[in-house]
Amino acid sequence: MAKQKTKRALAKRVKKKKSGVIMRSRAGKGHLLTGKTKKRKRRLRQKTTISKSDAKKIKGLI
């Protein structure tokens, strides 16, 4: 049986850490930034982990 191909669109959006945790960027940093506070924009810059239920699905795709 052949190996499953990586979903390239997903691979560009998430990164897997050495520990196996999948990290993603936060939504809401694309536009309309003037109405958001400095603190909020600073928090949006940080990466966050994906929930356990989503991680199970994603691990098979990347």
C-alpha atoms as a PDB file:
ATOM      1  CA  MET A   1       0.000   0.000   0.000  1.00  0.00           C
ATOM      2  CA  ALA A   2       1.292   3.450  -0.939  1.00  0.00           C
ATOM      3  CA  LYS A   3       2.155   6.146   1.586  1.00  0.00           C
ATOM      4  CA  GLN A   4      -0.447   8.843   2.205  1.00  0.00           C
ATOM      5  CA  LYS A   5       0.467  12.200   0.673  1.00  0.00           C
ATOM      6  CA  THR A   6       0.833  15.264   2.880  1.00  0.00           C
ATOM      7  CA  LYS A   7      -1.907  17.881   2.545  1.00  0.00           C
ATOM      8  CA  ARG A   8       0.329  20.783   1.482  1.00  0.00           C
ATOM      9  CA  ALA A   9      -2.242  23.495   2.265  1.00  0.00           C
ATOM     10  CA  LEU A  10      -2.399  22.322   5.886  1.00  0.00           C
ATOM     11  CA  ALA A  11       1.363  21.813   6.159  1.00  0.00           C
ATOM     12  CA  LYS A  12       1.874  25.499   5.317  1.00  0.00           C
ATOM     13  CA  ARG A  13      -0.501  26.592   8.096  1.00  0.00           C
ATOM     14  CA  VAL A  14       0.639  24.414  10.996  1.00  0.00           C
ATOM     15  CA  LYS A  15       3.981  23.236  12.388  1.00  0.00           C
ATOM     16  CA  LYS A  16       4.658  20.151  14.472  1.00  0.00           C
ATOM     17  CA  LYS A  17       7.021  20.598  17.416  1.00  0.00           C
ATOM     18  CA  LYS A  18       9.546  17.994  18.464  1.00  0.00           C
ATOM     19  CA  SER A  19       7.248  16.958  21.317  1.00  0.00           C
ATOM     20  CA  GLY A  20       4.463  16.213  18.805  1.00  0.00           C
ATOM     21  CA  VAL A  21       2.303  19.238  19.689  1.00  0.00           C
ATOM     22  CA  ILE A  22       0.845  21.003  16.654  1.00  0.00           C
ATOM     23  CA  MET A  23       1.116  24.807  16.616  1.00  0.00           C
ATOM     24  CA  ARG A  24      -0.969  27.238  14.581  1.00  0.00           C
ATOM     25  CA  SER A  25      -1.173  30.999  14.062  1.00  0.00           C
ATOM     26  CA  ARG A  26      -4.030  32.948  15.579  1.00  0.00           C
ATOM     27  CA  ALA A  27      -6.818  34.311  13.408  1.00  0.00           C
ATOM     28  CA  GLY A  28      -7.680  38.014  13.284  1.00  0.00           C
ATOM     29  CA  LYS A  29      -4.346  39.565  12.232  1.00  0.00           C
ATOM     30  CA  GLY A  30      -5.084  40.039   8.527  1.00  0.00           C
ATOM     31  CA  HIS A  31      -6.779  43.426   8.339  1.00  0.00           C
ATOM     32  CA  LEU A  32      -8.767  46.040  10.319  1.00  0.00           C
ATOM     33  CA  LEU A  33      -5.851  46.327  12.750  1.00  0.00           C
ATOM     34  CA  THR A  34      -6.400  50.004  13.603  1.00  0.00           C
ATOM     35  CA  GLY A  35      -9.445  49.131  15.688  1.00  0.00           C
ATOM     36  CA  LYS A  36      -7.546  46.581  17.785  1.00  0.00           C
ATOM     37  CA  THR A  37      -5.470  47.467  20.821  1.00  0.00           C
ATOM     38  CA  LYS A  38      -1.680  47.038  20.939  1.00  0.00           C
ATOM     39  CA  LYS A  39      -2.089  44.336  23.570  1.00  0.00           C
ATOM     40  CA  ARG A  40      -4.537  42.392  21.421  1.00  0.00           C
ATOM     41  CA  LYS A  41      -2.297  42.584  18.341  1.00  0.00           C
ATOM     42  CA  ARG A  42       0.689  41.473  20.415  1.00  0.00           C
ATOM     43  CA  ARG A  43      -1.235  38.410  21.597  1.00  0.00           C
ATOM     44  CA  LEU A  44      -2.290  37.612  18.026  1.00  0.00           C
ATOM     45  CA  ARG A  45       1.384  37.385  17.008  1.00  0.00           C
ATOM     46  CA  GLN A  46       1.971  34.401  19.274  1.00  0.00           C
ATOM     47  CA  LYS A  47       1.443  30.828  18.164  1.00  0.00           C
ATOM     48  CA  THR A  48      -1.039  28.601  19.954  1.00  0.00           C
ATOM     49  CA  THR A  49      -1.658  24.873  20.180  1.00  0.00           C
ATOM     50  CA  ILE A  50      -4.421  23.030  18.395  1.00  0.00           C
ATOM     51  CA  SER A  51      -7.115  21.341  20.484  1.00  0.00           C
ATOM     52  CA  LYS A  52      -6.746  17.621  21.179  1.00  0.00           C
ATOM     53  CA  SER A  53      -9.779  16.677  19.088  1.00  0.00           C
ATOM     54  CA  ASP A  54      -8.465  18.584  16.048  1.00  0.00           C
ATOM     55  CA  ALA A  55      -4.909  17.309  16.584  1.00  0.00           C
ATOM     56  CA  LYS A  56      -6.019  13.703  16.064  1.00  0.00           C
ATOM     57  CA  LYS A  57      -7.453  14.563  12.645  1.00  0.00           C
ATOM     58  CA  ILE A  58      -4.539  16.774  11.605  1.00  0.00           C
ATOM     59  CA  LYS A  59      -1.769  14.315  12.522  1.00  0.00           C
ATOM     60  CA  GLY A  60      -2.993  11.992   9.788  1.00  0.00           C
ATOM     61  CA  LEU A  61      -2.916  14.772   7.199  1.00  0.00           C
ATOM     62  CA  ILE A  62       0.581  16.168   7.814  1.00  0.00           C
END
